Amino acid sequence: MRQLLLGNAAVARGLYEAGCRFVSSYPGTPSTEITEEVAKYKEIYAEWAPNEKVAFEAAAGASIGGARAFAAMKHVGLNVAADPLFSISYTGGRAGLVLSVSDDQGMASSQNEQDSRHYARAAKLPMLEPSDSQEAKDFVKTAFELSEEYETPALLRMSIRVDHSQSIVELKEREERPLIPYEKDMRRFVMLPANAIGRHVVVEENMAKLQELAETSSINREEMRDTSIGFVTAGICYQYVREAFPDASVLKLGMVWPLPVERIRAFSEKVDRLIVVEELDPFIEDHCRSHGIRVDGGKDLTGLQGELSQSKLAAALGQAAKPSLDFGEPVPPRPPVLCPGCPHRGTFYTLHKMKLTVFGDIGCYTLGALAPLAAMDTTLCMGASISALHGFNTVRGAESAKSSVAVIGDSTFMHSGITSLTDIVYNKGISTVLILDNSITGMTGHQQNPTTGLTLKGEVTAAVDLEKLCEGLGIRRIRIADPGDLKQLETVLREELACEEPSVILVRRPCALLPQVRALKTKPLKVDPERCKSCRACMAIGCPSLRFEGKAAIDPTQCVGCALCEQLCKFGAIVKEAD
């Protein structure tokens, strides 16, 4: 049977067909849908872990326990999982162990661009890179086979374009695989220095075998056509090459580490001009040059930043771009914005109004940095808001702590904020931390987390009590505030900033897009034009349902009735819509 599948859904299908039993991940765009799709298969246990490190360690444990196991994450998530990755590269598992990492070329939803191929080389692991949904499915099975044959984790490098593009996939039946019997093997799985020294020898031997495989495997293939120009490429860039230069010869690499040497050299001798096409770093290009293989063009043509495309590639090589549809006018920009009724809007309006220094974190609330709220000073990585604030206040003193806060979401706090808050308590800091509890993992599309009381598959489970958790860490001042009540929130903030000990404010209101919130069907508000004085005070919250055309106006199709704008109007011009 054939089916049109998203790249991420194809990976999930590959896990099903390959007999995978265990999947653990932390949601991160563009990888999130892999695990959401996996959860639809009853044959596979699937979970959301608190963070990527935990997810990969859990998958490793399942593999040691004899089951094929998998973890998915985005590129910055692999940074979090790097610690176990470098050790498990020495041990491998008993059954196949695969880690999928999705790179976000172009930073559509990330704080940096990062080329995850470097992890494969540094950790001495095989890495496969599919170019479409069919390969995404097929390479999962190949990755499991490599993992088992060479006693190593195998990496699957996805890209935002393959993750979120659709193509036809040939579906097959699931291959059930029995659990491999467990046997104690301390020399392999206990990474004491003496054991690790011996395992390093095995790793190097296996990498040499994988290098030989790269020279002969059909996963790397030549497509000989016009030999005046030849491309060496991999992943989504293969699609760009084939569309922009359909008559050119191509060496398509499905295994991007270890890379073949003699195979590339032989291909280069068959073509007049050799071009390497890859996104982000010159990973393949540097490999070629380091082995004395001539390269006539690479990053000097395509650059080091962002996504490539058919038109960019054609332009880089002096070809005329294919005509595109022209609407006759520029498409207006659509910057990201907090949703109508977003509970974070009241928080950032208040922080901006109070002129506080705000250390931000990763999530929907990062949009609080944008105008007109403009209430964010830093955003670094998951959990960094709390620990960076601690360092900031430590060097700047107690007065600084009275005018600075950290903001972090409930899911991000569970991911990596707990240890940061512990740092403040343990080292006698006096910082104020706002945990923005919107009852869900919002930015990646409403995934459950340890505070929501539901698992990935919707089963009821224990919910972490944030108040008790913070109390257990040693926080004595814990307050709860509603971001929809601007006066209350400001009062609580001023009181906690004035105290000379660490404080946590749980800013609690559910996401406006949650089904149970939308079901309340709160009536939209409207503006009474007779009372409106055109003062624009309501516009300060940056709500997309508000507009100004001489006087304020509210779009009833977007307004969810949160009433923030009503609290800002001094003239009573904003009122509830009549029945």
Protein backbone atom coordinates (compact mmCIF):
# COMPACT_ATOMS: atom_id res chain seq x y z
CA MET A 1 0.00 0.00 0.00
CA ARG A 2 1.20 3.50 -0.78
CA GLN A 3 0.43 6.59 1.27
CA LEU A 4 1.34 10.29 1.24
CA LEU A 5 3.24 10.88 4.49
CA LEU A 6 4.93 13.76 6.26
CA GLY A 7 8.61 13.03 6.81
CA ASN A 8 8.08 12.82 10.56
CA ALA A 9 5.14 10.45 10.10
CA ALA A 10 7.31 8.32 7.82
CA VAL A 11 9.94 8.00 10.56
CA ALA A 12 7.18 6.85 12.91
CA ARG A 13 6.03 4.34 10.32
CA GLY A 14 9.60 3.11 9.97
CA LEU A 15 9.75 2.53 13.72
CA TYR A 16 6.53 0.54 13.55
CA GLU A 17 7.66 -1.61 10.63
CA ALA A 18 11.13 -2.19 12.14
CA GLY A 19 9.63 -3.71 15.28
CA CYS A 20 10.63 -0.86 17.60
CA ARG A 21 9.10 -1.31 21.06
CA PHE A 22 10.18 1.78 23.03
CA VAL A 23 10.20 5.49 22.14
CA SER A 24 11.04 8.37 24.48
CA SER A 25 11.37 12.02 23.43
CA TYR A 26 10.99 15.62 24.48
CA PRO A 27 8.97 17.78 22.04
CA GLY A 28 11.01 20.14 19.93
CA THR A 29 10.17 21.66 16.54
CA PRO A 30 10.76 20.32 13.90
CA SER A 31 10.95 16.80 15.42
CA THR A 32 7.80 16.77 17.56
CA GLU A 33 5.42 14.97 15.21
CA ILE A 34 7.62 11.85 15.08
CA THR A 35 6.70 10.86 18.63
CA GLU A 36 3.12 12.09 18.32
CA GLU A 37 2.70 9.80 15.30
CA VAL A 38 4.41 6.91 17.09
CA ALA A 39 1.87 7.19 19.91
CA LYS A 40 -0.84 6.13 17.46
CA TYR A 41 0.70 2.66 17.18
CA LYS A 42 -0.47 0.50 20.08
CA GLU A 43 2.43 -1.90 19.53
CA ILE A 44 4.96 0.77 20.56
CA TYR A 45 5.38 2.16 24.06
CA ALA A 46 5.80 5.93 23.66
CA GLU A 47 6.39 8.67 26.24
CA TRP A 48 7.29 12.28 26.71
CA ALA A 49 10.37 12.53 28.93
CA PRO A 50 11.20 15.63 31.02
CA ASN A 51 14.16 16.38 28.71
CA GLU A 52 16.25 14.93 25.90
CA LYS A 53 18.98 13.55 28.16
CA VAL A 54 16.44 11.52 30.09
CA ALA A 55 14.76 10.42 26.84
CA PHE A 56 17.95 9.02 25.33
CA GLU A 57 19.02 7.36 28.58
CA ALA A 58 15.61 5.70 28.84
CA ALA A 59 15.89 4.49 25.23
CA ALA A 60 19.38 3.15 25.98
CA GLY A 61 18.01 1.25 28.97
CA ALA A 62 15.27 -0.26 26.82
CA SER A 63 17.88 -1.31 24.26
CA ILE A 64 20.05 -2.91 26.94
CA GLY A 65 16.85 -4.63 28.05
CA GLY A 66 16.61 -6.28 24.65
CA ALA A 67 14.10 -4.13 22.74
CA ARG A 68 14.67 -1.92 19.71
CA ALA A 69 14.46 1.61 21.07
CA PHE A 70 14.41 5.16 19.74
CA ALA A 71 14.59 8.79 20.85
CA ALA A 72 13.79 11.92 18.81
CA MET A 73 14.88 15.50 19.41
CA LYS A 74 15.79 18.73 17.66
CA HIS A 75 19.36 19.90 17.18
CA VAL A 76 19.61 21.88 20.43
CA GLY A 77 18.05 18.93 22.24
CA LEU A 78 21.00 16.83 21.13
CA ASN A 79 23.19 19.24 23.10
CA VAL A 80 21.24 18.24 26.19
CA ALA A 81 21.61 14.54 25.35
CA ALA A 82 25.31 14.82 24.46
CA ASP A 83 26.53 13.53 27.83
CA PRO A 84 24.96 10.07 27.54
CA LEU A 85 25.53 10.05 23.76
CA PHE A 86 29.31 10.05 24.09
CA SER A 87 29.31 7.25 26.66
CA ILE A 88 26.64 5.10 25.02
CA SER A 89 28.65 5.35 21.80
CA TYR A 90 31.13 3.07 23.63
CA THR A 91 28.55 0.60 24.93
CA GLY A 92 25.79 0.53 22.34
CA GLY A 93 22.78 -1.54 23.33
CA ARG A 94 21.72 -5.14 22.93
CA ALA A 95 18.90 -4.44 20.53
CA GLY A 96 19.03 -1.59 18.02
CA LEU A 97 19.26 1.94 19.41
CA VAL A 98 18.50 4.89 17.13
CA LEU A 99 18.51 8.62 17.87
CA SER A 100 16.86 11.00 15.40
CA VAL A 101 17.96 14.63 15.41
CA SER A 102 16.16 17.30 13.39
CA ASP A 103 18.25 20.28 12.30
CA ASP A 104 16.42 23.59 11.88
CA GLN A 105 18.14 25.17 8.88
CA GLY A 106 16.90 28.75 8.68
CA MET A 107 15.96 28.86 12.39
CA ALA A 108 12.22 28.74 11.81
CA SER A 109 11.75 27.85 15.48
CA SER A 110 15.16 27.79 17.14
CA GLN A 111 17.66 30.07 18.84
CA ASN A 112 20.56 28.96 16.64
CA GLU A 113 21.54 27.03 13.53
CA GLN A 114 23.52 23.91 14.27
CA ASP A 115 24.93 21.17 12.07
CA SER A 116 24.42 17.89 13.92
CA ARG A 117 26.72 15.95 11.59
CA HIS A 118 29.58 17.10 13.80
CA TYR A 119 28.16 15.00 16.65
CA ALA A 120 28.40 11.86 14.51
CA ARG A 121 32.07 12.52 13.84
CA ALA A 122 32.88 13.56 17.41
CA ALA A 123 31.02 10.68 19.08
CA LYS A 124 32.17 8.18 16.40
CA LEU A 125 28.68 7.12 15.34
CA PRO A 126 27.12 6.22 12.00
CA MET A 127 24.69 8.83 10.70
CA LEU A 128 22.13 8.46 7.93
CA GLU A 129 20.35 11.36 6.23
CA PRO A 130 17.15 10.80 4.21
CA SER A 131 16.08 13.05 1.35
CA ASP A 132 12.34 12.29 1.37
CA SER A 133 9.64 10.46 3.30
CA GLN A 134 10.32 7.07 1.69
CA GLU A 135 13.96 7.21 2.72
CA ALA A 136 12.97 8.50 6.16
CA LYS A 137 11.01 5.30 6.69
CA ASP A 138 13.58 3.00 5.09
CA PHE A 139 16.59 4.54 6.83
CA VAL A 140 15.05 3.86 10.24
CA LYS A 141 15.24 0.13 9.57
CA THR A 142 18.77 0.47 8.17
CA ALA A 143 19.81 2.44 11.26
CA PHE A 144 18.56 -0.32 13.57
CA GLU A 145 20.47 -2.91 11.54
CA LEU A 146 23.69 -0.87 11.71
CA SER A 147 23.21 -0.36 15.43
CA GLU A 148 22.88 -4.08 16.08
CA GLU A 149 25.65 -5.21 13.75
CA TYR A 150 28.23 -2.71 15.00
CA GLU A 151 27.18 -2.47 18.69
CA THR A 152 26.61 1.28 18.45
CA PRO A 153 23.82 3.83 18.58
CA ALA A 154 22.92 5.02 15.09
CA LEU A 155 21.96 8.60 14.27
CA LEU A 156 19.26 9.68 11.83
CA ARG A 157 19.72 13.26 10.71
CA MET A 158 16.47 14.90 9.68
CA SER A 159 16.05 18.46 8.45
CA ILE A 160 13.15 20.85 8.85
CA ARG A 161 12.28 20.48 5.16
CA VAL A 162 12.21 16.66 5.16
CA ASP A 163 10.43 16.65 8.53
CA HIS A 164 7.62 18.84 7.24
CA SER A 165 7.37 17.82 3.57
CA GLN A 166 5.18 15.05 2.21
CA SER A 167 5.96 12.38 -0.35
CA ILE A 168 4.69 8.95 -1.33
CA VAL A 169 5.73 6.04 0.93
CA GLU A 170 5.38 2.33 0.30
CA LEU A 171 4.00 0.78 3.50
CA LYS A 172 4.91 -2.68 4.75
CA GLU A 173 3.85 -4.90 7.62
CA ARG A 174 5.46 -4.77 11.05
CA GLU A 175 8.31 -7.19 11.76
CA GLU A 176 7.81 -8.32 15.35
CA ARG A 177 11.07 -8.91 17.17
CA PRO A 178 11.26 -10.84 20.46
CA LEU A 179 13.13 -9.38 23.41
CA ILE A 180 16.81 -10.32 23.43
CA PRO A 181 17.58 -12.21 26.68
CA TYR A 182 19.39 -10.06 29.21
CA GLU A 183 22.88 -11.09 30.29
CA LYS A 184 25.10 -9.23 32.72
CA ASP A 185 28.12 -7.75 30.90
CA MET A 186 30.05 -5.37 33.13
CA ARG A 187 32.97 -4.97 30.73
CA ARG A 188 30.67 -3.59 28.08
CA PHE A 189 28.10 -1.61 30.04
CA VAL A 190 29.96 -0.34 33.14
CA MET A 191 32.03 2.57 31.90
CA LEU A 192 34.75 2.55 34.50
CA PRO A 193 38.00 3.82 32.97
CA ALA A 194 39.49 0.31 32.63
CA ASN A 195 36.40 -0.91 30.78
CA ALA A 196 36.04 2.25 28.70
CA ILE A 197 39.62 1.90 27.46
CA GLY A 198 38.78 -1.52 26.07
CA ARG A 199 35.51 -0.35 24.54
CA HIS A 200 37.26 2.54 22.80
CA VAL A 201 39.26 -0.05 20.86
CA VAL A 202 35.98 -1.65 19.76
CA VAL A 203 34.57 1.73 18.71
CA GLU A 204 37.56 2.46 16.49
CA GLU A 205 37.43 -1.02 14.96
CA ASN A 206 33.74 -0.61 14.18
CA MET A 207 34.27 2.83 12.67
CA ALA A 208 36.86 1.31 10.33
CA LYS A 209 34.31 -1.33 9.28
CA LEU A 210 31.64 1.34 8.79
CA GLN A 211 34.10 3.31 6.66
CA GLU A 212 34.46 0.27 4.42
CA LEU A 213 30.68 -0.08 4.30
CA ALA A 214 30.33 3.54 3.15
CA GLU A 215 32.51 2.71 0.13
CA THR A 216 30.27 -0.13 -1.05
CA SER A 217 26.76 0.27 0.41
CA SER A 218 23.84 1.05 -1.89
CA ILE A 219 22.76 3.69 0.62
CA ASN A 220 25.32 5.87 -1.21
CA ARG A 221 24.65 5.84 -4.95
CA GLU A 222 25.87 7.35 -8.20
CA GLU A 223 23.46 8.76 -10.77
CA MET A 224 25.50 9.30 -13.91
CA ARG A 225 24.12 11.69 -16.53
CA ASP A 226 25.86 14.69 -18.10
CA THR A 227 29.46 14.56 -16.86
CA SER A 228 30.27 18.22 -17.44
CA ILE A 229 29.15 18.84 -13.87
CA GLY A 230 28.79 16.47 -10.93
CA PHE A 231 27.26 17.09 -7.53
CA VAL A 232 28.08 15.44 -4.20
CA THR A 233 25.14 15.97 -1.89
CA ALA A 234 22.85 14.44 0.74
CA GLY A 235 19.44 14.84 2.32
CA ILE A 236 17.06 17.53 1.12
CA CYS A 237 19.85 19.14 -0.91
CA TYR A 238 19.64 16.14 -3.25
CA GLN A 239 16.10 17.23 -4.14
CA TYR A 240 17.27 20.77 -4.85
CA VAL A 241 20.06 19.49 -7.11
CA ARG A 242 17.75 17.16 -9.04
CA GLU A 243 15.20 19.90 -9.65
CA ALA A 244 17.63 22.69 -10.49
CA PHE A 245 20.02 20.49 -12.55
CA PRO A 246 18.02 17.46 -13.77
CA ASP A 247 20.66 16.46 -16.32
CA ALA A 248 23.67 16.58 -14.00
CA SER A 249 25.48 13.59 -12.51
CA VAL A 250 25.02 13.14 -8.77
CA LEU A 251 26.69 11.18 -5.99
CA LYS A 252 23.92 10.96 -3.41
CA LEU A 253 25.13 10.15 0.09
CA GLY A 254 22.64 8.44 2.35
CA MET A 255 25.31 7.83 5.00
CA VAL A 256 26.82 11.17 5.96
CA TRP A 257 29.19 9.66 8.54
CA PRO A 258 31.49 7.95 8.06
CA LEU A 259 31.85 9.37 4.57
CA PRO A 260 33.44 7.38 1.73
CA VAL A 261 36.76 8.56 0.35
CA GLU A 262 37.56 6.43 -2.68
CA ARG A 263 33.97 6.47 -3.86
CA ILE A 264 33.93 10.27 -3.91
CA ARG A 265 37.37 10.32 -5.54
CA ALA A 266 36.24 7.95 -8.28
CA PHE A 267 33.13 10.03 -8.92
CA SER A 268 35.18 13.24 -9.11
CA GLU A 269 37.32 11.69 -11.84
CA LYS A 270 34.24 10.98 -13.95
CA VAL A 271 33.03 14.59 -14.05
CA ASP A 272 34.61 17.79 -15.36
CA ARG A 273 33.50 19.93 -12.45
CA LEU A 274 32.73 18.73 -8.88
CA ILE A 275 30.31 20.75 -6.74
CA VAL A 276 29.43 19.92 -3.12
CA VAL A 277 25.93 21.02 -2.12
CA GLU A 278 25.06 20.94 1.58
CA GLU A 279 23.31 23.19 4.10
CA LEU A 280 25.07 24.87 7.02
CA ASP A 281 28.71 23.76 7.51
CA PRO A 282 31.14 22.49 4.82
CA PHE A 283 31.10 19.02 6.36
CA ILE A 284 31.30 16.98 3.13
CA GLU A 285 33.39 19.64 1.42
CA ASP A 286 36.04 19.65 4.17
CA HIS A 287 36.11 15.85 4.07
CA CYS A 288 36.81 15.95 0.33
CA ARG A 289 39.50 18.59 0.58
CA SER A 290 41.20 16.86 3.51
CA HIS A 291 41.66 13.76 1.32
CA GLY A 292 42.98 15.71 -1.65
CA ILE A 293 39.79 15.41 -3.70
CA ARG A 294 39.33 18.44 -5.91
CA VAL A 295 36.23 20.51 -5.21
CA ASP A 296 35.33 23.18 -7.76
CA GLY A 297 32.60 24.73 -5.63
CA GLY A 298 30.98 24.42 -2.25
CA LYS A 299 30.36 26.92 0.49
CA ASP A 300 31.93 29.66 -1.61
CA LEU A 301 28.82 29.29 -3.78
CA THR A 302 26.03 28.41 -1.36
CA GLY A 303 27.09 30.07 1.90
CA LEU A 304 27.03 28.93 5.53
CA GLN A 305 23.63 30.19 6.61
CA GLY A 306 20.02 29.17 6.28
CA GLU A 307 18.13 26.80 4.03
CA LEU A 308 18.98 26.29 0.39
CA SER A 309 16.36 25.97 -2.35
CA GLN A 310 16.19 25.15 -6.04
CA SER A 311 16.25 28.82 -7.00
CA LYS A 312 19.14 29.68 -4.62
CA LEU A 313 21.18 26.81 -5.97
CA ALA A 314 20.48 27.74 -9.58
CA ALA A 315 21.42 31.36 -8.91
CA ALA A 316 24.63 30.33 -7.12
CA LEU A 317 25.74 28.48 -10.25
CA GLY A 318 24.72 31.20 -12.67
CA GLN A 319 21.52 29.57 -13.90
CA ALA A 320 18.32 31.50 -14.49
CA ALA A 321 15.75 30.74 -11.84
CA LYS A 322 12.51 29.11 -12.91
CA PRO A 323 9.63 31.59 -13.19
CA SER A 324 7.47 31.83 -10.10
CA LEU A 325 3.95 33.08 -9.52
CA ASP A 326 3.88 36.85 -9.04
CA PHE A 327 0.91 38.39 -7.27
CA GLY A 328 1.87 41.89 -8.37
CA GLU A 329 2.38 43.17 -4.85
CA PRO A 330 4.66 42.26 -1.94
CA VAL A 331 3.37 39.76 0.59
CA PRO A 332 2.92 41.61 3.90
CA PRO A 333 5.16 40.41 6.73
CA ARG A 334 3.54 38.26 9.41
CA PRO A 335 5.77 38.33 12.49
CA PRO A 336 4.98 35.75 15.20
CA VAL A 337 2.71 37.02 17.95
CA LEU A 338 1.15 35.77 21.17
CA CYS A 339 -2.34 34.40 20.48
CA PRO A 340 -5.48 36.34 21.44
CA GLY A 341 -6.16 35.57 25.09
CA CYS A 342 -2.64 34.23 25.70
CA PRO A 343 -2.02 34.23 29.47
CA HIS A 344 1.56 35.40 28.93
CA ARG A 345 0.39 38.74 27.52
CA GLY A 346 -0.63 40.15 30.91
CA THR A 347 2.65 38.99 32.43
CA PHE A 348 4.84 40.73 29.89
CA TYR A 349 2.71 43.87 29.84
CA THR A 350 3.23 44.12 33.60
CA LEU A 351 6.97 43.40 33.43
CA HIS A 352 7.37 46.05 30.72
CA LYS A 353 5.30 48.55 32.67
CA MET A 354 7.46 48.00 35.77
CA LYS A 355 10.65 48.41 33.69
CA LEU A 356 12.13 45.20 35.05
CA THR A 357 15.15 43.36 33.70
CA VAL A 358 13.76 40.06 32.43
CA PHE A 359 15.80 36.91 31.86
CA GLY A 360 13.77 34.84 29.43
CA ASP A 361 13.63 31.21 28.39
CA ILE A 362 12.44 28.95 25.56
CA GLY A 363 8.72 28.67 24.83
CA CYS A 364 5.70 30.66 23.64
CA TYR A 365 6.60 33.34 26.14
CA THR A 366 9.81 34.11 24.22
CA LEU A 367 7.49 36.19 22.02
CA GLY A 368 7.26 38.59 24.97
CA ALA A 369 10.49 40.03 23.59
CA LEU A 370 8.66 41.51 20.59
CA ALA A 371 7.11 44.97 20.41
CA PRO A 372 4.98 46.40 21.82
CA LEU A 373 5.57 44.23 24.92
CA ALA A 374 9.37 44.28 24.50
CA ALA A 375 9.82 42.79 27.95
CA MET A 376 12.75 40.41 27.54
CA ASP A 377 16.45 41.03 28.04
CA THR A 378 17.91 37.58 27.35
CA THR A 379 16.99 34.21 25.88
CA LEU A 380 19.78 31.63 25.74
CA CYS A 381 18.64 28.03 26.13
CA MET A 382 16.29 25.82 28.12
CA GLY A 383 16.52 26.62 31.83
CA ALA A 384 19.08 29.41 31.43
CA SER A 385 16.71 32.16 32.58
CA ILE A 386 17.00 31.14 36.25
CA SER A 387 20.70 30.34 36.40
CA ALA A 388 21.68 33.38 34.33
CA LEU A 389 19.60 35.63 36.60
CA HIS A 390 21.41 34.16 39.60
CA GLY A 391 24.79 35.04 38.09
CA PHE A 392 23.56 38.49 37.09
CA ASN A 393 22.27 39.34 40.56
CA THR A 394 25.28 37.82 42.31
CA VAL A 395 27.70 40.19 40.59
CA ARG A 396 25.40 43.24 40.61
CA GLY A 397 24.19 42.94 44.19
CA ALA A 398 20.96 43.07 46.17
CA GLU A 399 19.67 46.22 44.48
CA SER A 400 19.76 44.44 41.13
CA ALA A 401 17.59 41.65 42.54
CA LYS A 402 14.87 44.20 43.31
CA SER A 403 14.41 45.05 39.64
CA SER A 404 15.04 41.77 37.81
CA VAL A 405 13.19 38.49 37.34
CA ALA A 406 13.44 35.21 35.45
CA VAL A 407 10.51 33.84 33.47
CA ILE A 408 10.21 30.16 32.58
CA GLY A 409 7.35 27.92 31.47
CA ASP A 410 6.05 24.93 33.40
CA SER A 411 7.39 22.42 30.85
CA THR A 412 10.74 24.18 30.54
CA PHE A 413 11.03 24.31 34.32
CA MET A 414 10.61 20.53 34.43
CA HIS A 415 13.09 20.17 31.55
CA SER A 416 16.02 22.03 33.08
CA GLY A 417 14.84 24.75 35.44
CA ILE A 418 14.79 22.67 38.62
CA THR A 419 18.57 22.47 38.95
CA SER A 420 18.88 26.20 38.19
CA LEU A 421 16.45 27.07 40.98
CA THR A 422 18.39 24.73 43.28
CA ASP A 423 21.51 26.75 42.47
CA ILE A 424 19.84 29.93 43.70
CA VAL A 425 18.68 28.35 46.96
CA TYR A 426 21.90 26.47 47.68
CA ASN A 427 24.10 29.51 47.06
CA LYS A 428 21.92 31.95 49.03
CA GLY A 429 20.70 33.94 46.04
CA ILE A 430 17.76 36.32 46.35
CA SER A 431 16.34 36.23 42.84
CA THR A 432 12.64 36.20 41.91
CA VAL A 433 11.48 33.52 39.47
CA LEU A 434 8.19 33.51 37.58
CA ILE A 435 7.00 30.07 36.47
CA LEU A 436 4.46 30.72 33.73
CA ASP A 437 2.12 27.79 34.21
CA ASN A 438 -0.23 27.55 31.22
CA SER A 439 -1.06 23.87 31.88
CA ILE A 440 0.55 22.52 28.70
CA THR A 441 3.69 22.50 26.54
CA GLY A 442 2.49 25.23 24.24
CA MET A 443 4.93 26.29 21.55
CA THR A 444 5.43 22.83 20.05
CA GLY A 445 1.69 22.19 19.74
CA HIS A 446 0.12 21.22 23.07
CA GLN A 447 2.06 18.24 24.38
CA GLN A 448 1.57 16.88 27.88
CA ASN A 449 4.35 17.27 30.45
CA PRO A 450 4.96 16.02 34.01
CA THR A 451 2.78 18.80 35.49
CA THR A 452 -0.38 18.11 33.46
CA GLY A 453 -1.45 14.75 34.89
CA LEU A 454 -1.69 13.02 31.48
CA THR A 455 0.80 10.89 29.53
CA LEU A 456 1.59 11.16 25.82
CA LYS A 457 -1.14 8.59 25.11
CA GLY A 458 -3.69 10.46 27.23
CA GLU A 459 -3.56 8.16 30.25
CA VAL A 460 -4.12 9.70 33.69
CA THR A 461 -0.94 9.82 35.76
CA ALA A 462 0.56 11.63 38.75
CA ALA A 463 0.99 15.37 38.20
CA VAL A 464 4.01 17.15 39.64
CA ASP A 465 2.88 19.75 42.18
CA LEU A 466 4.98 22.81 41.37
CA GLU A 467 4.32 24.43 44.76
CA LYS A 468 5.51 21.37 46.67
CA LEU A 469 8.42 20.88 44.30
CA CYS A 470 9.66 24.44 44.85
CA GLU A 471 9.10 24.09 48.58
CA GLY A 472 11.14 20.89 48.55
CA LEU A 473 13.99 22.73 46.85
CA GLY A 474 14.06 25.16 49.78
CA ILE A 475 11.93 28.05 48.49
CA ARG A 476 9.97 29.55 51.40
CA ARG A 477 8.19 32.30 49.48
CA ILE A 478 5.82 30.83 46.89
CA ARG A 479 3.03 32.98 45.52
CA ILE A 480 0.28 32.31 42.98
CA ALA A 481 -0.85 35.08 40.64
CA ASP A 482 -3.32 35.33 37.77
CA PRO A 483 -1.83 37.07 34.70
CA GLY A 484 -5.36 38.03 33.72
CA ASP A 485 -5.60 40.25 36.82
CA LEU A 486 -3.08 42.98 36.11
CA LYS A 487 -3.39 44.76 39.46
CA GLN A 488 -2.97 41.56 41.46
CA LEU A 489 0.04 40.49 39.40
CA GLU A 490 1.77 43.84 39.84
CA THR A 491 1.10 43.81 43.58
CA VAL A 492 2.56 40.32 43.99
CA LEU A 493 5.60 41.23 41.89
CA ARG A 494 6.36 44.33 43.97
CA GLU A 495 6.02 42.40 47.23
CA GLU A 496 8.30 39.56 46.13
CA LEU A 497 10.92 41.84 44.60
CA ALA A 498 11.13 43.71 47.90
CA CYS A 499 11.95 40.62 49.97
CA GLU A 500 15.54 39.57 50.55
CA GLU A 501 15.30 35.86 49.87
CA PRO A 502 14.59 33.70 46.81
CA SER A 503 11.00 33.78 45.67
CA VAL A 504 8.86 31.89 43.16
CA ILE A 505 5.68 33.31 41.65
CA LEU A 506 3.49 30.74 39.92
CA VAL A 507 1.78 32.82 37.25
CA ARG A 508 -1.09 30.48 36.51
CA ARG A 509 -3.71 30.56 33.79
CA PRO A 510 -4.31 27.86 31.11
CA CYS A 511 -3.47 28.38 27.46
CA ALA A 512 -6.37 30.03 25.64
CA LEU A 513 -6.22 27.37 22.89
CA LEU A 514 -6.78 24.38 25.17
CA PRO A 515 -10.06 22.65 24.29
CA GLN A 516 -11.44 22.99 27.81
CA VAL A 517 -10.73 26.74 27.74
CA ARG A 518 -12.20 27.28 24.27
CA ALA A 519 -15.30 25.35 25.33
CA LEU A 520 -16.11 28.08 27.85
CA LYS A 521 -17.17 30.26 24.90
CA THR A 522 -16.50 33.56 26.63
CA LYS A 523 -18.22 36.41 24.78
CA PRO A 524 -15.91 38.76 22.87
CA LEU A 525 -15.54 42.38 23.88
CA LYS A 526 -16.33 45.41 21.77
CA VAL A 527 -15.40 49.09 21.73
CA ASP A 528 -18.02 51.77 22.32
CA PRO A 529 -16.90 54.45 19.82
CA GLU A 530 -18.72 57.17 21.77
CA ARG A 531 -16.57 56.54 24.83
CA CYS A 532 -13.28 55.79 23.05
CA LYS A 533 -10.88 58.76 23.37
CA SER A 534 -8.31 57.36 20.90
CA CYS A 535 -5.69 57.24 23.65
CA ARG A 536 -4.28 53.91 22.37
CA ALA A 537 -3.75 52.59 25.92
CA CYS A 538 -5.34 49.28 24.94
CA MET A 539 -2.86 48.85 22.09
CA ALA A 540 0.00 48.45 24.58
CA ILE A 541 -0.77 44.76 25.08
CA GLY A 542 -0.23 43.94 21.40
CA CYS A 543 -3.32 41.74 21.07
CA PRO A 544 -3.94 40.69 17.44
CA SER A 545 -7.70 41.07 17.90
CA LEU A 546 -7.22 44.82 18.52
CA ARG A 547 -6.76 47.36 15.75
CA PHE A 548 -6.73 51.15 15.57
CA GLU A 549 -8.47 53.09 12.82
CA GLY A 550 -8.95 56.54 14.32
CA LYS A 551 -10.52 54.74 17.26
CA ALA A 552 -9.86 51.33 18.77
CA ALA A 553 -11.76 48.35 17.41
CA ILE A 554 -11.94 44.67 18.29
CA ASP A 555 -12.24 41.78 15.85
CA PRO A 556 -14.96 39.58 17.36
CA THR A 557 -13.76 36.55 15.40
CA GLN A 558 -10.43 36.64 17.26
CA CYS A 559 -11.32 38.05 20.67
CA VAL A 560 -11.66 35.41 23.39
CA GLY A 561 -12.85 37.81 26.08
CA CYS A 562 -9.74 37.76 28.30
CA ALA A 563 -10.53 41.40 29.27
CA LEU A 564 -6.94 42.63 29.50
CA CYS A 565 -7.77 45.55 27.23
CA GLU A 566 -10.82 46.33 29.38
CA GLN A 567 -8.53 46.73 32.41
CA LEU A 568 -6.37 49.22 30.52
CA CYS A 569 -9.19 51.49 29.31
CA LYS A 570 -9.74 54.39 31.73
CA PHE A 571 -12.89 55.55 29.96
CA GLY A 572 -14.99 52.40 30.08
CA ALA A 573 -15.04 52.19 26.29
CA ILE A 574 -14.38 48.44 26.16
CA VAL A 575 -17.39 46.37 27.15
CA LYS A 576 -18.74 42.83 26.83
CA GLU A 577 -20.49 42.00 23.57
CA ALA A 578 -24.27 41.77 23.92
CA ASP A 579 -25.94 38.35 23.54
